[in-house]
Amino acid sequence: MRNLSLAEELEAVVASGSAARRSDILSRVTDLFVYDAARYLPDQVGLFGDVMARLARGMGSEARVRLAERLAPIASAPVNVVQMLALDEDATVAGPVLVQSKRLSERDLLQIAGRKGQHHLLALANRERLSQRVTDMLIARADHAVLGALIRNRGARFSAAGWRRLHERTRIDKALNG
C-alpha cells in the first residue's frame, strides 16, 4: 500500500473530506505556520498561504474566525489569506484582520471601506493607524458608531476636508437626535 504525499492528501481532503477533517488540517497547518512564522522565506509563506486559503474556502465561519484571529497579529502572515479574510462577508471573520493586520495595504483598506457594511467599517475605524484617505472614505460612509470610533482613534489621520466633513456629520447627527 502506497502512502499518500502531503499534496495528494490535501487534494483528497479538499475534494471530499468532511468539514471536521478540513478544519483539523487547517488548524494543524496554521499551527505549523504560527510556530515559526518570522523565520519563513517569502516563498514558504506563499505556500502556506495557498494551502490555508484552499482549506479555508467553504469552511464555516467559526473556523474562518479562528484563522483570522491567529493570523491577524502576525507581521508575515500570508497576504492572500489576510485579504481573503478581510473581504469576508461575515464581519466577525473579517474583524480581527481589519483591526490588527499590518499585511493589508492602503488600497485594500480603501476597497473595504468603499464596499463593505458598517460592521466592517467599525473594525477599520479601530485600526491602530489610519491614513487620511482611509478616514475620508470612512467619514463618507460611516454611521454614528463608526464616526465615534474614528473620533476616539488617536492613530487616525484626518485631512482638512475630512475633518470638516466629520464635524458637519456629527453636528447634523446631534441635531437629528436631540
C-alpha atoms as a PDB file:
ATOM      1  CA  MET A   1       0.000   0.000   0.000  1.00  0.00           C
ATOM      2  CA  ARG A   2       1.377   3.372  -1.028  1.00  0.00           C
ATOM      3  CA  ASN A   3       1.411   6.301   1.408  1.00  0.00           C
ATOM      4  CA  LEU A   4      -0.218   9.498   0.138  1.00  0.00           C
ATOM      5  CA  SER A   5       2.018  12.522  -0.223  1.00  0.00           C
ATOM      6  CA  LEU A   6       1.042  15.646   1.657  1.00  0.00           C
ATOM      7  CA  ALA A   7      -0.117  17.278  -1.592  1.00  0.00           C
ATOM      8  CA  GLU A   8      -2.241  14.245  -2.511  1.00  0.00           C
ATOM      9  CA  GLU A   9      -3.726  14.081   0.981  1.00  0.00           C
ATOM     10  CA  LEU A  10      -4.541  17.789   0.832  1.00  0.00           C
ATOM     11  CA  GLU A  11      -6.249  17.365  -2.557  1.00  0.00           C
ATOM     12  CA  ALA A  12      -8.256  14.421  -1.218  1.00  0.00           C
ATOM     13  CA  VAL A  13      -9.366  16.376   1.840  1.00  0.00           C
ATOM     14  CA  VAL A  14     -10.329  19.448  -0.201  1.00  0.00           C
ATOM     15  CA  ALA A  15     -12.205  17.311  -2.729  1.00  0.00           C
ATOM     16  CA  SER A  16     -14.116  15.027  -0.418  1.00  0.00           C
ATOM     17  CA  GLY A  17     -13.033  15.481   3.157  1.00  0.00           C
ATOM     18  CA  SER A  18     -15.535  16.251   5.852  1.00  0.00           C
ATOM     19  CA  ALA A  19     -15.703  19.757   7.255  1.00  0.00           C
ATOM     20  CA  ALA A  20     -14.285  18.448  10.541  1.00  0.00           C
ATOM     21  CA  ARG A  21     -11.302  16.863   8.751  1.00  0.00           C
ATOM     22  CA  ARG A  22     -10.657  20.026   6.727  1.00  0.00           C
ATOM     23  CA  SER A  23     -10.898  22.143   9.873  1.00  0.00           C
ATOM     24  CA  ASP A  24      -8.440  19.854  11.669  1.00  0.00           C
ATOM     25  CA  ILE A  25      -5.918  20.057   8.832  1.00  0.00           C
ATOM     26  CA  LEU A  26      -6.361  23.839   8.565  1.00  0.00           C
ATOM     27  CA  SER A  27      -5.698  24.125  12.293  1.00  0.00           C
ATOM     28  CA  ARG A  28      -2.579  21.944  12.047  1.00  0.00           C
ATOM     29  CA  VAL A  29      -1.196  23.842   9.055  1.00  0.00           C
ATOM     30  CA  THR A  30      -1.899  27.140  10.852  1.00  0.00           C
ATOM     31  CA  ASP A  31      -0.136  25.827  13.982  1.00  0.00           C
ATOM     32  CA  LEU A  32       2.892  24.944  11.891  1.00  0.00           C
ATOM     33  CA  PHE A  33       2.944  28.398  10.296  1.00  0.00           C
ATOM     34  CA  VAL A  34       2.371  30.363  13.514  1.00  0.00           C
ATOM     35  CA  TYR A  35       5.031  28.416  15.394  1.00  0.00           C
ATOM     36  CA  ASP A  36       7.862  29.764  13.244  1.00  0.00           C
ATOM     37  CA  ALA A  37       6.245  32.471  11.090  1.00  0.00           C
ATOM     38  CA  ALA A  38       9.033  35.022  11.430  1.00  0.00           C
ATOM     39  CA  ARG A  39      11.623  32.616  10.049  1.00  0.00           C
ATOM     40  CA  TYR A  40       9.881  31.566   6.830  1.00  0.00           C
ATOM     41  CA  LEU A  41      11.077  32.882   3.495  1.00  0.00           C
ATOM     42  CA  PRO A  42       8.545  34.669   1.253  1.00  0.00           C
ATOM     43  CA  ASP A  43       8.126  31.599  -0.981  1.00  0.00           C
ATOM     44  CA  GLN A  44       7.408  29.454   2.064  1.00  0.00           C
ATOM     45  CA  VAL A  45       4.872  31.980   3.376  1.00  0.00           C
ATOM     46  CA  GLY A  46       3.247  31.918  -0.063  1.00  0.00           C
ATOM     47  CA  LEU A  47       2.986  28.129   0.027  1.00  0.00           C
ATOM     48  CA  PHE A  48       1.413  28.228   3.489  1.00  0.00           C
ATOM     49  CA  GLY A  49      -0.972  30.877   2.203  1.00  0.00           C
ATOM     50  CA  ASP A  50      -2.021  28.777  -0.789  1.00  0.00           C
ATOM     51  CA  VAL A  51      -2.701  25.771   1.430  1.00  0.00           C
ATOM     52  CA  MET A  52      -4.568  27.771   4.094  1.00  0.00           C
ATOM     53  CA  ALA A  53      -6.677  29.624   1.523  1.00  0.00           C
ATOM     54  CA  ARG A  54      -7.590  26.389  -0.225  1.00  0.00           C
ATOM     55  CA  LEU A  55      -8.634  24.736   3.039  1.00  0.00           C
ATOM     56  CA  ALA A  56     -10.476  27.802   4.397  1.00  0.00           C
ATOM     57  CA  ARG A  57     -12.705  28.292   1.338  1.00  0.00           C
ATOM     58  CA  GLY A  58     -16.059  26.795   2.093  1.00  0.00           C
ATOM     59  CA  MET A  59     -15.322  26.358   5.796  1.00  0.00           C
ATOM     60  CA  GLY A  60     -17.821  27.578   8.353  1.00  0.00           C
ATOM     61  CA  SER A  61     -17.457  30.985   9.922  1.00  0.00           C
ATOM     62  CA  GLU A  62     -16.174  29.518  13.207  1.00  0.00           C
ATOM     63  CA  ALA A  63     -13.101  28.025  11.503  1.00  0.00           C
ATOM     64  CA  ARG A  64     -12.529  31.212   9.482  1.00  0.00           C
ATOM     65  CA  VAL A  65     -12.782  33.369  12.636  1.00  0.00           C
ATOM     66  CA  ARG A  66     -10.180  31.169  14.370  1.00  0.00           C
ATOM     67  CA  LEU A  67      -7.893  31.508  11.351  1.00  0.00           C
ATOM     68  CA  ALA A  68      -8.353  35.305  11.271  1.00  0.00           C
ATOM     69  CA  GLU A  69      -7.666  35.641  14.995  1.00  0.00           C
ATOM     70  CA  ARG A  70      -4.479  33.597  14.722  1.00  0.00           C
ATOM     71  CA  LEU A  71      -3.087  35.334  11.619  1.00  0.00           C
ATOM     72  CA  ALA A  72      -4.119  38.938  12.370  1.00  0.00           C
ATOM     73  CA  PRO A  73      -1.202  39.824  14.695  1.00  0.00           C
ATOM     74  CA  ILE A  74       1.471  38.099  12.580  1.00  0.00           C
ATOM     75  CA  ALA A  75       3.538  40.576  10.582  1.00  0.00           C
ATOM     76  CA  SER A  76       4.486  37.962   7.985  1.00  0.00           C
ATOM     77  CA  ALA A  77       1.047  36.351   7.576  1.00  0.00           C
ATOM     78  CA  PRO A  78       0.233  35.241   4.023  1.00  0.00           C
ATOM     79  CA  VAL A  79      -1.165  38.283   2.214  1.00  0.00           C
ATOM     80  CA  ASN A  80      -3.604  36.244   0.109  1.00  0.00           C
ATOM     81  CA  VAL A  81      -5.210  34.707   3.204  1.00  0.00           C
ATOM     82  CA  VAL A  82      -5.338  38.011   5.100  1.00  0.00           C
ATOM     83  CA  GLN A  83      -7.006  39.686   2.097  1.00  0.00           C
ATOM     84  CA  MET A  84      -9.468  36.814   1.725  1.00  0.00           C
ATOM     85  CA  LEU A  85     -10.403  37.056   5.402  1.00  0.00           C
ATOM     86  CA  ALA A  86     -10.635  40.876   5.315  1.00  0.00           C
ATOM     87  CA  LEU A  87     -13.064  40.688   2.392  1.00  0.00           C
ATOM     88  CA  ASP A  88     -15.219  38.016   4.034  1.00  0.00           C
ATOM     89  CA  GLU A  89     -18.898  38.939   4.090  1.00  0.00           C
ATOM     90  CA  ASP A  90     -19.059  37.901   7.754  1.00  0.00           C
ATOM     91  CA  ALA A  91     -17.724  40.829   9.787  1.00  0.00           C
ATOM     92  CA  THR A  92     -16.816  38.515  12.678  1.00  0.00           C
ATOM     93  CA  VAL A  93     -14.395  36.780  10.306  1.00  0.00           C
ATOM     94  CA  ALA A  94     -13.048  39.999   8.789  1.00  0.00           C
ATOM     95  CA  GLY A  95     -12.837  41.941  12.058  1.00  0.00           C
ATOM     96  CA  PRO A  96      -9.594  40.594  13.542  1.00  0.00           C
ATOM     97  CA  VAL A  97      -7.559  41.230  10.389  1.00  0.00           C
ATOM     98  CA  LEU A  98      -9.235  44.575   9.722  1.00  0.00           C
ATOM     99  CA  VAL A  99      -8.301  45.781  13.196  1.00  0.00           C
ATOM    100  CA  GLN A 100      -4.829  44.245  13.547  1.00  0.00           C
ATOM    101  CA  SER A 101      -3.181  43.056  10.358  1.00  0.00           C
ATOM    102  CA  LYS A 102      -0.283  45.062   9.012  1.00  0.00           C
ATOM    103  CA  ARG A 103      -0.437  42.992   5.816  1.00  0.00           C
ATOM    104  CA  LEU A 104      -3.351  44.988   4.389  1.00  0.00           C
ATOM    105  CA  SER A 105      -2.306  47.788   2.067  1.00  0.00           C
ATOM    106  CA  GLU A 106      -3.941  51.191   1.922  1.00  0.00           C
ATOM    107  CA  ARG A 107      -5.520  50.054  -1.342  1.00  0.00           C
ATOM    108  CA  ASP A 108      -7.029  47.027   0.444  1.00  0.00           C
ATOM    109  CA  LEU A 109      -8.376  49.261   3.218  1.00  0.00           C
ATOM    110  CA  LEU A 110      -9.880  51.714   0.728  1.00  0.00           C
ATOM    111  CA  GLN A 111     -11.546  48.887  -1.186  1.00  0.00           C
ATOM    112  CA  ILE A 112     -13.090  47.518   2.004  1.00  0.00           C
ATOM    113  CA  ALA A 113     -14.096  50.984   3.258  1.00  0.00           C
ATOM    114  CA  GLY A 114     -15.818  51.653  -0.058  1.00  0.00           C
ATOM    115  CA  ARG A 115     -17.674  48.345  -0.386  1.00  0.00           C
ATOM    116  CA  LYS A 116     -18.424  46.755   2.958  1.00  0.00           C
ATOM    117  CA  GLY A 117     -21.043  47.380   5.622  1.00  0.00           C
ATOM    118  CA  GLN A 118     -20.924  49.207   8.909  1.00  0.00           C
ATOM    119  CA  HIS A 119     -19.509  46.316  10.966  1.00  0.00           C
ATOM    120  CA  HIS A 120     -16.509  46.126   8.629  1.00  0.00           C
ATOM    121  CA  LEU A 121     -16.158  49.930   8.777  1.00  0.00           C
ATOM    122  CA  LEU A 122     -16.238  49.840  12.570  1.00  0.00           C
ATOM    123  CA  ALA A 123     -13.383  47.323  12.597  1.00  0.00           C
ATOM    124  CA  LEU A 124     -11.403  49.555  10.223  1.00  0.00           C
ATOM    125  CA  ALA A 125     -12.065  52.597  12.419  1.00  0.00           C
ATOM    126  CA  ASN A 126     -10.406  50.733  15.290  1.00  0.00           C
ATOM    127  CA  ARG A 127      -7.101  50.100  13.491  1.00  0.00           C
ATOM    128  CA  GLU A 128      -4.006  51.396  15.246  1.00  0.00           C
ATOM    129  CA  ARG A 129      -3.207  53.688  12.302  1.00  0.00           C
ATOM    130  CA  LEU A 130      -5.386  55.101   9.536  1.00  0.00           C
ATOM    131  CA  SER A 131      -4.303  57.292   6.643  1.00  0.00           C
ATOM    132  CA  GLN A 132      -6.156  60.445   5.631  1.00  0.00           C
ATOM    133  CA  ARG A 133      -7.532  58.728   2.525  1.00  0.00           C
ATOM    134  CA  VAL A 134      -8.997  55.861   4.546  1.00  0.00           C
ATOM    135  CA  THR A 135     -10.515  58.162   7.181  1.00  0.00           C
ATOM    136  CA  ASP A 136     -12.035  60.309   4.402  1.00  0.00           C
ATOM    137  CA  MET A 137     -13.696  57.203   2.955  1.00  0.00           C
ATOM    138  CA  LEU A 138     -14.907  56.080   6.370  1.00  0.00           C
ATOM    139  CA  ILE A 139     -16.350  59.514   7.151  1.00  0.00           C
ATOM    140  CA  ALA A 140     -18.236  59.486   3.856  1.00  0.00           C
ATOM    141  CA  ARG A 141     -19.865  56.092   4.531  1.00  0.00           C
ATOM    142  CA  ALA A 142     -19.906  55.741   8.312  1.00  0.00           C
ATOM    143  CA  ASP A 143     -22.789  55.543  10.714  1.00  0.00           C
ATOM    144  CA  HIS A 144     -22.737  57.186  14.157  1.00  0.00           C
ATOM    145  CA  ALA A 145     -20.863  54.278  15.847  1.00  0.00           C
ATOM    146  CA  VAL A 146     -18.102  54.308  13.237  1.00  0.00           C
ATOM    147  CA  LEU A 147     -17.754  58.091  13.450  1.00  0.00           C
ATOM    148  CA  GLY A 148     -17.450  57.815  17.231  1.00  0.00           C
ATOM    149  CA  ALA A 149     -14.702  55.202  16.895  1.00  0.00           C
ATOM    150  CA  LEU A 150     -12.844  57.430  14.428  1.00  0.00           C
ATOM    151  CA  ILE A 151     -13.036  60.405  16.780  1.00  0.00           C
ATOM    152  CA  ARG A 152     -11.573  58.286  19.617  1.00  0.00           C
ATOM    153  CA  ASN A 153      -8.838  56.763  17.426  1.00  0.00           C
ATOM    154  CA  ARG A 154      -5.568  58.544  18.229  1.00  0.00           C
ATOM    155  CA  GLY A 155      -3.873  56.901  15.256  1.00  0.00           C
ATOM    156  CA  ALA A 156      -6.361  58.178  12.666  1.00  0.00           C
ATOM    157  CA  ARG A 157      -5.083  60.945  10.424  1.00  0.00           C
ATOM    158  CA  PHE A 158      -7.603  63.453   9.088  1.00  0.00           C
ATOM    159  CA  SER A 159      -7.388  65.645   6.030  1.00  0.00           C
ATOM    160  CA  ALA A 160      -8.727  69.190   6.385  1.00  0.00           C
ATOM    161  CA  ALA A 161     -11.707  68.270   4.203  1.00  0.00           C
ATOM    162  CA  GLY A 162     -12.273  65.062   6.174  1.00  0.00           C
ATOM    163  CA  TRP A 163     -12.170  66.918   9.480  1.00  0.00           C
ATOM    164  CA  ARG A 164     -14.753  69.448   8.191  1.00  0.00           C
ATOM    165  CA  ARG A 165     -16.972  66.631   6.913  1.00  0.00           C
ATOM    166  CA  LEU A 166     -16.680  64.795  10.238  1.00  0.00           C
ATOM    167  CA  HIS A 167     -17.619  67.956  12.131  1.00  0.00           C
ATOM    168  CA  GLU A 168     -20.579  68.523   9.789  1.00  0.00           C
ATOM    169  CA  ARG A 169     -21.750  64.901  10.111  1.00  0.00           C
ATOM    170  CA  THR A 170     -21.563  64.935  13.919  1.00  0.00           C
ATOM    171  CA  ARG A 171     -23.350  68.316  14.060  1.00  0.00           C
ATOM    172  CA  ILE A 172     -26.159  67.010  11.833  1.00  0.00           C
ATOM    173  CA  ASP A 173     -26.392  63.777  13.866  1.00  0.00           C
ATOM    174  CA  LYS A 174     -26.718  65.811  17.095  1.00  0.00           C
ATOM    175  CA  ALA A 175     -29.428  67.976  15.546  1.00  0.00           C
ATOM    176  CA  LEU A 176     -31.378  64.949  14.328  1.00  0.00           C
ATOM    177  CA  ASN A 177     -31.037  63.010  17.566  1.00  0.00           C
ATOM    178  CA  GLY A 178     -31.509  65.612  20.133  1.00  0.00           C
END
